[in-house]
Amino acid sequence: VDAPGVSRPKRGEALVVKPADGEASPVGEELVLQNGLRIFLKETDLFDDEIIVRARRWGGLSEHLVKGGPLSRGAVSVEAQTCSMAAMMLGICGLSVESLQECLDGRRVEPNPPAMEAYSTALDASASPADLEALLTLLHLLFLSPVEPGEKSRGRLSLVKFSFLAWRLGENRDPQALFRNRVQRCITQDHPYSRLPSLWNILRLDFKKASAIFNERVSSPSEWTFVLVGRLPKREVLLPMLDTYLGSIPSPSGVPAAPAPSEISSAAAREVARREAVTPLDIAFPAKTTREEVRLRMIEPKGSTLVCFPARLAAVTTAGSAASAEAELRELFRLRLLVRMLETRLVEVLRFKRGQVYSVSVADDFSLSPPHLGRHRTGTISIGFECDPAEADELIEATQTELQRLRSGEAAFAAE
């Protein structure tokens, strides 16, 4: 990937963090580059020709809530919701959308701009082992090439505003969107975070502010943690490559010297401090059973039903305890395995035995649970299906009966 006007990065030096007991870490090898960026490497042969890159930075949509206005107070700002889309139209990595596509022609590289979630900013990308260097080059340019709206980009940004406005108007006409929004209002007790942006706020969208939000997300490499998983190159090839493209990304105050061993030991402490500084949303699940019906005029009768339960993990991660983090992760995996088993069981009962639905979906969601250490992770488990509206009550009762039978041990998740 060649970007005119952007100098080639200079190679730095990575420092490897090893466990105190000398044993291999279950999450892979950890590196701390000279600019403070943390990297975890995990080689696997699950896919023979793919490397997956995941990155995270604490701080997300909860940091950009509207403070003024009686109707929009506490809602997510429109600029924060559209910053990634606006950055793509302006051109990330110092390249326009067309130039980026041309540079990647014939390469197996899938770069995506950072996307803001409730409490973090995440970056997802993938590449083949042969094109890993091209992906690392794009990541380097992502941090070095801030986006800035100008006169030439006015037409592109108008498309962003019009598409966002069309989406907002469509939410008022789409039956599934109306149902989904009512569900969110119900389970969050109409928390402002779950509200849709107003048409007035969309029309007043400030792209300079949106660009500033995006640039701030990718301004400091020391705030990011990268994870590389897949068919990684040999260590003597991979480490210099990471030094060259990621280790040379300067911090806002300039390029710092290589960190001392004492600073490396505090990398995890800085990560915890940024995690604890996240603004919590404090969204509570309704304390009492709530039932709401969304009735719409449609050509043919169709019903969507969602049964939602609160979930709370018993294990909790505490600062400085790897065992507690492992226990919470193990419980989360068990819960998600249970969710898949429950989905299979309800498909057997509601579809194959009763023949009243085509499919059943069961999902868990902990995305709105504050990430602070020492705090139990809370979320929801939802069961959804589509059916004849006249049979909705019957199927809800059948679902609750089957859950009770599974809980009491009268029924098994799978037939023996």
Protein backbone atom coordinates (compact mmCIF):
# COMPACT_ATOMS: atom_id res chain seq x y z
CA VAL A 1 0.00 0.00 0.00
CA ASP A 2 1.54 3.28 -1.11
CA ALA A 3 0.28 6.61 0.23
CA PRO A 4 1.94 9.62 -1.42
CA GLY A 5 3.28 12.13 1.08
CA VAL A 6 3.32 9.69 4.01
CA SER A 7 6.81 8.67 5.09
CA ARG A 8 7.64 5.04 5.72
CA PRO A 9 7.64 4.16 9.44
CA LYS A 10 10.89 3.53 11.23
CA ARG A 11 11.53 0.37 13.13
CA GLY A 12 11.35 0.49 16.89
CA GLU A 13 11.81 -2.18 19.51
CA ALA A 14 9.17 -4.33 21.20
CA LEU A 15 9.43 -5.46 24.78
CA VAL A 16 8.01 -8.85 25.69
CA VAL A 17 6.05 -9.30 28.89
CA LYS A 18 6.21 -12.82 30.27
CA PRO A 19 4.33 -14.35 33.22
CA ALA A 20 6.17 -14.24 36.52
CA ASP A 21 6.16 -18.03 36.81
CA GLY A 22 7.68 -18.42 33.35
CA GLU A 23 4.78 -20.50 32.02
CA ALA A 24 3.06 -19.73 28.75
CA SER A 25 0.04 -17.47 29.11
CA PRO A 26 -3.29 -19.01 28.02
CA VAL A 27 -4.12 -15.79 26.14
CA GLY A 28 -0.86 -15.86 24.21
CA GLU A 29 2.32 -13.83 24.24
CA GLU A 30 2.03 -10.21 25.33
CA LEU A 31 4.08 -7.41 23.81
CA VAL A 32 4.40 -3.80 24.88
CA LEU A 33 5.75 -1.63 22.09
CA GLN A 34 7.87 1.49 22.57
CA ASN A 35 4.80 3.76 22.32
CA GLY A 36 2.88 1.83 25.00
CA LEU A 37 0.64 -0.12 22.62
CA ARG A 38 -0.16 -3.59 23.95
CA ILE A 39 -0.36 -6.63 21.66
CA PHE A 40 -1.39 -10.20 22.38
CA LEU A 41 -0.28 -12.88 19.92
CA LYS A 42 -1.98 -16.25 19.69
CA GLU A 43 -1.02 -18.65 16.93
CA THR A 44 -3.62 -21.20 15.85
CA ASP A 45 -4.19 -23.44 12.86
CA LEU A 46 -7.97 -23.26 13.04
CA PHE A 47 -7.88 -21.37 9.74
CA ASP A 48 -4.94 -22.15 7.48
CA ASP A 49 -4.92 -18.85 5.60
CA GLU A 50 -6.31 -16.14 7.86
CA ILE A 51 -5.14 -13.76 10.56
CA ILE A 52 -7.79 -12.01 12.64
CA VAL A 53 -7.03 -8.67 14.29
CA ARG A 54 -9.16 -7.31 17.12
CA ALA A 55 -8.40 -4.10 18.98
CA ARG A 56 -10.08 -2.23 21.80
CA ARG A 57 -9.85 1.09 23.53
CA TRP A 58 -11.86 1.97 26.64
CA GLY A 59 -14.31 4.80 26.20
CA GLY A 60 -17.35 4.69 23.94
CA LEU A 61 -20.81 6.09 23.41
CA SER A 62 -21.40 6.58 27.14
CA GLU A 63 -18.80 9.37 27.02
CA HIS A 64 -20.81 11.30 24.42
CA LEU A 65 -24.25 11.76 25.91
CA VAL A 66 -26.21 14.94 25.27
CA LYS A 67 -26.20 17.13 28.38
CA GLY A 68 -28.57 19.89 27.30
CA GLY A 69 -32.12 19.90 26.03
CA PRO A 70 -35.15 18.50 27.83
CA LEU A 71 -36.01 15.99 25.08
CA SER A 72 -32.55 14.68 24.16
CA ARG A 73 -30.77 14.89 27.52
CA GLY A 74 -28.92 11.65 28.21
CA ALA A 75 -29.20 10.40 24.61
CA VAL A 76 -26.16 9.57 22.51
CA SER A 77 -25.01 12.48 20.38
CA VAL A 78 -25.56 12.16 16.64
CA GLU A 79 -21.92 13.04 16.00
CA ALA A 80 -20.73 10.06 18.04
CA GLN A 81 -23.11 7.72 16.24
CA THR A 82 -21.96 8.83 12.79
CA CYS A 83 -18.24 9.48 13.35
CA SER A 84 -17.10 6.19 11.79
CA MET A 85 -19.37 6.59 8.77
CA ALA A 86 -18.23 10.16 8.27
CA ALA A 87 -14.57 9.13 8.55
CA MET A 88 -15.02 6.48 5.87
CA MET A 89 -16.52 9.05 3.49
CA LEU A 90 -13.72 11.53 4.25
CA GLY A 91 -11.11 8.83 3.74
CA ILE A 92 -9.36 6.88 6.49
CA CYS A 93 -5.65 6.02 6.33
CA GLY A 94 -5.08 9.15 4.25
CA LEU A 95 -6.80 7.54 1.27
CA SER A 96 -10.17 8.13 -0.32
CA VAL A 97 -12.64 5.27 -0.50
CA GLU A 98 -11.86 4.73 -4.18
CA SER A 99 -8.08 4.87 -3.65
CA LEU A 100 -8.28 2.44 -0.73
CA GLN A 101 -10.27 -0.04 -2.79
CA GLU A 102 -7.79 0.29 -5.64
CA CYS A 103 -4.83 -0.30 -3.31
CA LEU A 104 -6.45 -3.45 -1.92
CA ASP A 105 -7.38 -4.88 -5.31
CA GLY A 106 -6.14 -8.47 -5.45
CA ARG A 107 -5.32 -8.58 -1.72
CA ARG A 108 -7.11 -10.43 1.05
CA VAL A 109 -7.31 -7.52 3.46
CA GLU A 110 -10.49 -6.41 5.21
CA PRO A 111 -9.85 -3.17 7.14
CA ASN A 112 -12.70 -1.52 9.02
CA PRO A 113 -12.75 1.83 10.81
CA PRO A 114 -13.02 1.82 14.61
CA ALA A 115 -16.63 1.58 15.77
CA MET A 116 -17.90 2.94 19.07
CA GLU A 117 -19.80 0.66 21.42
CA ALA A 118 -21.39 1.48 24.76
CA TYR A 119 -18.17 1.52 26.79
CA SER A 120 -15.37 0.94 24.29
CA THR A 121 -14.16 1.58 20.78
CA ALA A 122 -13.48 -1.59 18.81
CA LEU A 123 -11.58 -2.28 15.62
CA ASP A 124 -12.03 -5.47 13.59
CA ALA A 125 -9.87 -6.50 10.65
CA SER A 126 -8.51 -9.60 8.96
CA ALA A 127 -5.97 -10.55 6.32
CA SER A 128 -4.21 -13.51 4.83
CA PRO A 129 -0.70 -14.19 6.17
CA ALA A 130 0.75 -12.99 2.84
CA ASP A 131 -1.07 -9.64 3.17
CA LEU A 132 -0.46 -9.03 6.88
CA GLU A 133 2.13 -6.32 6.15
CA ALA A 134 -0.42 -4.44 4.02
CA LEU A 135 -2.91 -4.55 6.89
CA LEU A 136 -0.32 -3.30 9.40
CA THR A 137 0.53 -0.47 7.00
CA LEU A 138 -3.12 0.58 6.93
CA LEU A 139 -3.29 0.48 10.72
CA HIS A 140 -0.20 2.67 10.88
CA LEU A 141 -1.76 5.18 8.48
CA LEU A 142 -5.04 5.08 10.40
CA PHE A 143 -3.33 6.65 13.42
CA LEU A 144 -1.19 9.08 11.40
CA SER A 145 -3.88 10.41 9.05
CA PRO A 146 -6.62 12.34 10.86
CA VAL A 147 -9.78 13.09 8.93
CA GLU A 148 -10.90 16.65 8.36
CA PRO A 149 -14.05 17.89 6.56
CA GLY A 150 -13.56 20.48 3.86
CA GLU A 151 -15.22 22.08 0.87
CA LYS A 152 -14.37 19.16 -1.41
CA SER A 153 -15.97 16.67 0.98
CA ARG A 154 -19.26 18.54 1.38
CA GLY A 155 -21.03 16.35 -1.18
CA ARG A 156 -19.85 13.12 0.43
CA LEU A 157 -20.85 14.27 3.89
CA SER A 158 -24.27 15.24 2.61
CA LEU A 159 -24.73 11.60 1.63
CA VAL A 160 -23.94 10.60 5.21
CA LYS A 161 -26.53 13.00 6.57
CA PHE A 162 -29.17 11.99 4.01
CA SER A 163 -28.60 8.26 4.56
CA PHE A 164 -28.81 8.70 8.33
CA LEU A 165 -31.95 10.77 7.91
CA ALA A 166 -33.49 8.14 5.61
CA TRP A 167 -32.68 5.45 8.17
CA ARG A 168 -34.33 7.49 10.92
CA LEU A 169 -37.49 8.03 8.85
CA GLY A 170 -37.54 4.34 7.96
CA GLU A 171 -37.52 3.41 11.63
CA ASN A 172 -40.99 4.97 11.94
CA ARG A 173 -42.40 2.83 9.13
CA ASP A 174 -40.65 -0.52 9.54
CA PRO A 175 -42.75 -2.89 11.71
CA GLN A 176 -39.69 -4.81 12.91
CA ALA A 177 -37.93 -1.57 13.83
CA LEU A 178 -40.98 -0.33 15.75
CA PHE A 179 -41.14 -3.63 17.62
CA ARG A 180 -37.39 -3.61 18.35
CA ASN A 181 -37.46 -0.03 19.63
CA ARG A 182 -40.42 -0.77 21.87
CA VAL A 183 -38.55 -3.75 23.31
CA GLN A 184 -35.55 -1.55 24.10
CA ARG A 185 -37.75 1.04 25.77
CA CYS A 186 -39.33 -1.69 27.86
CA ILE A 187 -36.24 -3.53 29.07
CA THR A 188 -34.28 -0.30 29.70
CA GLN A 189 -37.26 1.48 31.28
CA ASP A 190 -37.10 4.13 28.57
CA HIS A 191 -33.51 5.07 29.32
CA PRO A 192 -32.37 8.00 27.11
CA TYR A 193 -29.48 5.89 25.79
CA SER A 194 -31.94 3.64 23.93
CA ARG A 195 -33.82 6.51 22.27
CA LEU A 196 -33.50 7.27 18.58
CA PRO A 197 -31.92 10.56 17.51
CA SER A 198 -34.39 13.30 16.64
CA LEU A 199 -34.74 14.55 13.09
CA TRP A 200 -33.71 18.02 14.24
CA ASN A 201 -30.45 16.73 15.69
CA ILE A 202 -29.69 14.87 12.47
CA LEU A 203 -30.26 18.01 10.40
CA ARG A 204 -27.93 19.93 12.74
CA LEU A 205 -25.21 17.27 12.54
CA ASP A 206 -21.77 18.84 12.99
CA PHE A 207 -19.22 16.93 10.91
CA LYS A 208 -16.28 18.83 12.41
CA LYS A 209 -17.29 17.53 15.82
CA ALA A 210 -17.83 14.02 14.43
CA SER A 211 -14.35 14.11 12.85
CA ALA A 212 -12.84 15.31 16.12
CA ILE A 213 -14.45 12.39 17.96
CA PHE A 214 -13.04 9.91 15.45
CA ASN A 215 -9.57 11.48 15.50
CA GLU A 216 -9.52 11.40 19.30
CA ARG A 217 -10.25 7.66 19.19
CA VAL A 218 -7.08 6.97 17.16
CA SER A 219 -4.78 9.64 18.58
CA SER A 220 -3.00 7.72 21.33
CA PRO A 221 -1.64 4.21 20.62
CA SER A 222 -0.93 3.58 24.31
CA GLU A 223 -4.68 3.44 24.96
CA TRP A 224 -5.18 0.54 22.56
CA THR A 225 -4.83 -3.22 23.02
CA PHE A 226 -4.45 -5.37 19.91
CA VAL A 227 -4.98 -9.12 19.59
CA LEU A 228 -3.65 -11.08 16.61
CA VAL A 229 -4.90 -14.64 16.20
CA GLY A 230 -4.34 -17.08 13.35
CA ARG A 231 -1.57 -18.39 11.16
CA LEU A 232 1.02 -15.90 12.33
CA PRO A 233 4.46 -15.55 10.69
CA LYS A 234 7.52 -16.77 12.49
CA ARG A 235 8.51 -14.76 15.53
CA GLU A 236 11.70 -13.41 13.95
CA VAL A 237 9.59 -12.07 11.08
CA LEU A 238 6.53 -10.91 13.01
CA LEU A 239 8.19 -8.90 15.79
CA PRO A 240 10.19 -6.58 13.48
CA MET A 241 7.04 -6.09 11.44
CA LEU A 242 5.06 -5.05 14.51
CA ASP A 243 7.91 -2.76 15.59
CA THR A 244 8.01 -1.12 12.19
CA TYR A 245 4.33 -0.43 11.64
CA LEU A 246 2.71 -0.27 15.09
CA GLY A 247 5.61 0.59 17.37
CA SER A 248 6.48 3.70 15.36
CA ILE A 249 3.05 5.31 15.80
CA PRO A 250 3.78 8.47 17.83
CA SER A 251 1.83 9.53 20.88
CA PRO A 252 0.14 12.97 20.86
CA SER A 253 3.09 14.51 22.71
CA GLY A 254 5.64 13.03 20.32
CA VAL A 255 7.55 9.79 20.00
CA PRO A 256 8.55 8.60 23.49
CA ALA A 257 11.58 6.59 24.33
CA ALA A 258 11.32 2.85 24.79
CA PRO A 259 9.53 2.08 28.07
CA ALA A 260 11.51 0.93 31.05
CA PRO A 261 10.79 -2.42 32.69
CA SER A 262 9.02 -0.62 35.55
CA GLU A 263 6.68 1.03 33.05
CA ILE A 264 5.98 -2.30 31.40
CA SER A 265 4.86 -3.76 34.72
CA SER A 266 2.39 -0.90 35.11
CA ALA A 267 0.84 -1.35 31.65
CA ALA A 268 -1.92 -3.48 33.12
CA ALA A 269 -2.46 -0.91 35.88
CA ARG A 270 -2.95 1.84 33.30
CA GLU A 271 -5.41 -0.38 31.48
CA VAL A 272 -7.38 -0.88 34.69
CA ALA A 273 -7.35 2.87 35.38
CA ARG A 274 -8.82 3.62 31.94
CA ARG A 275 -11.40 0.90 32.46
CA GLU A 276 -12.47 2.32 35.81
CA ALA A 277 -12.76 5.81 34.29
CA VAL A 278 -15.52 4.71 31.90
CA THR A 279 -18.83 6.50 32.48
CA PRO A 280 -21.47 3.92 33.50
CA LEU A 281 -24.97 4.06 32.05
CA ASP A 282 -26.70 2.39 35.03
CA ILE A 283 -29.53 0.89 33.01
CA ALA A 284 -31.71 -1.27 35.25
CA PHE A 285 -33.96 -4.10 34.12
CA PRO A 286 -37.64 -3.70 35.17
CA ALA A 287 -38.22 -4.98 38.70
CA LYS A 288 -41.69 -6.33 37.87
CA THR A 289 -43.04 -8.43 35.04
CA THR A 290 -43.95 -6.20 32.11
CA ARG A 291 -46.06 -7.05 29.08
CA GLU A 292 -46.50 -4.76 26.11
CA GLU A 293 -48.22 -5.30 22.78
CA VAL A 294 -47.33 -3.48 19.58
CA ARG A 295 -50.26 -3.53 17.18
CA LEU A 296 -49.73 -2.35 13.61
CA ARG A 297 -51.77 -2.45 10.42
CA MET A 298 -50.31 -5.02 8.04
CA ILE A 299 -51.45 -6.77 4.87
CA GLU A 300 -51.22 -10.23 6.41
CA PRO A 301 -51.30 -11.21 10.09
CA LYS A 302 -47.85 -11.68 11.52
CA GLY A 303 -46.64 -11.72 15.09
CA SER A 304 -43.21 -11.30 16.64
CA THR A 305 -42.81 -12.35 20.26
CA LEU A 306 -39.90 -11.72 22.59
CA VAL A 307 -39.60 -13.07 26.13
CA CYS A 308 -36.75 -11.39 28.00
CA PHE A 309 -35.23 -12.33 31.38
CA PRO A 310 -32.59 -10.53 33.46
CA ALA A 311 -29.22 -12.28 33.80
CA ARG A 312 -26.46 -11.78 36.34
CA LEU A 313 -23.14 -13.60 36.50
CA ALA A 314 -22.19 -14.90 39.93
CA ALA A 315 -18.44 -14.64 39.35
CA VAL A 316 -16.91 -11.18 39.32
CA THR A 317 -13.49 -10.00 38.20
CA THR A 318 -11.45 -8.17 40.81
CA ALA A 319 -8.34 -6.07 40.29
CA GLY A 320 -5.08 -8.00 40.40
CA SER A 321 -6.72 -11.44 40.38
CA ALA A 322 -6.30 -13.48 37.21
CA ALA A 323 -8.20 -16.35 38.83
CA SER A 324 -11.32 -14.22 39.27
CA ALA A 325 -11.17 -13.08 35.64
CA GLU A 326 -10.82 -16.68 34.51
CA ALA A 327 -13.78 -17.70 36.68
CA GLU A 328 -16.00 -14.97 35.20
CA LEU A 329 -14.95 -15.87 31.66
CA ARG A 330 -15.63 -19.54 32.31
CA GLU A 331 -19.10 -18.75 33.64
CA LEU A 332 -19.82 -16.56 30.61
CA PHE A 333 -18.82 -19.39 28.26
CA ARG A 334 -21.02 -21.82 30.16
CA LEU A 335 -23.93 -19.41 29.91
CA ARG A 336 -23.50 -19.02 26.15
CA LEU A 337 -23.27 -22.78 25.75
CA LEU A 338 -26.50 -23.03 27.73
CA VAL A 339 -28.09 -20.45 25.44
CA ARG A 340 -27.26 -22.55 22.38
CA MET A 341 -28.59 -25.71 24.02
CA LEU A 342 -31.78 -23.92 25.07
CA GLU A 343 -32.31 -22.65 21.54
CA THR A 344 -32.00 -26.19 20.18
CA ARG A 345 -34.44 -27.52 22.76
CA LEU A 346 -37.07 -24.84 22.09
CA VAL A 347 -36.82 -25.46 18.34
CA GLU A 348 -37.57 -29.13 19.01
CA VAL A 349 -40.57 -28.30 21.20
CA LEU A 350 -42.14 -25.32 19.42
CA ARG A 351 -41.38 -26.30 15.83
CA PHE A 352 -41.06 -30.06 15.53
CA LYS A 353 -43.49 -31.09 18.26
CA ARG A 354 -46.06 -28.30 18.12
CA GLY A 355 -45.49 -27.13 14.54
CA GLN A 356 -46.49 -23.54 15.34
CA VAL A 357 -43.24 -21.70 14.59
CA TYR A 358 -40.53 -21.98 12.00
CA SER A 359 -37.55 -21.01 14.14
CA VAL A 360 -36.68 -19.87 17.66
CA SER A 361 -33.77 -17.62 18.61
CA VAL A 362 -32.19 -17.41 22.06
CA ALA A 363 -29.54 -14.77 22.75
CA ASP A 364 -27.68 -13.16 25.63
CA ASP A 365 -26.65 -9.52 25.82
CA PHE A 366 -24.25 -8.01 28.35
CA SER A 367 -23.18 -5.03 26.23
CA LEU A 368 -24.76 -2.43 28.55
CA SER A 369 -23.25 -3.82 31.76
CA PRO A 370 -20.62 -1.39 33.16
CA PRO A 371 -17.11 -2.89 32.79
CA HIS A 372 -15.84 -1.75 36.20
CA LEU A 373 -13.90 -4.34 38.18
CA GLY A 374 -15.54 -5.74 41.28
CA ARG A 375 -18.99 -5.28 39.76
CA HIS A 376 -21.20 -8.18 38.71
CA ARG A 377 -21.91 -8.36 35.00
CA THR A 378 -25.62 -7.98 34.29
CA GLY A 379 -27.56 -8.37 31.08
CA THR A 380 -30.49 -10.14 29.47
CA ILE A 381 -31.41 -13.49 27.95
CA SER A 382 -34.10 -13.20 25.29
CA ILE A 383 -36.22 -15.81 23.53
CA GLY A 384 -37.80 -14.73 20.27
CA PHE A 385 -39.99 -16.32 17.62
CA GLU A 386 -42.50 -15.38 14.94
CA CYS A 387 -45.96 -16.92 14.87
CA ASP A 388 -49.63 -16.35 14.24
CA PRO A 389 -50.68 -13.49 16.56
CA ALA A 390 -53.62 -15.59 17.79
CA GLU A 391 -51.19 -18.28 19.04
CA ALA A 392 -48.72 -15.96 20.78
CA ASP A 393 -50.11 -16.43 24.31
CA GLU A 394 -50.20 -20.21 23.88
CA LEU A 395 -46.60 -20.33 22.72
CA ILE A 396 -45.42 -18.05 25.53
CA GLU A 397 -47.04 -20.38 28.04
CA ALA A 398 -45.48 -23.41 26.33
CA THR A 399 -42.07 -21.73 26.46
CA GLN A 400 -42.36 -20.92 30.15
CA THR A 401 -43.56 -24.46 30.87
CA GLU A 402 -40.59 -25.94 29.05
CA LEU A 403 -38.18 -23.65 30.94
CA GLN A 404 -39.69 -24.81 34.23
CA ARG A 405 -39.35 -28.47 33.19
CA LEU A 406 -35.69 -27.92 32.29
CA ARG A 407 -35.08 -26.11 35.56
CA SER A 408 -36.67 -28.86 37.64
CA GLY A 409 -34.95 -31.67 35.74
CA GLU A 410 -38.16 -33.17 34.32
CA ALA A 411 -36.92 -32.57 30.77
CA ALA A 412 -33.49 -32.84 29.20
CA PHE A 413 -31.90 -30.42 26.77
CA ALA A 414 -31.45 -33.19 24.23
CA ALA A 415 -33.12 -36.55 23.76
CA GLU A 416 -30.92 -39.46 24.74
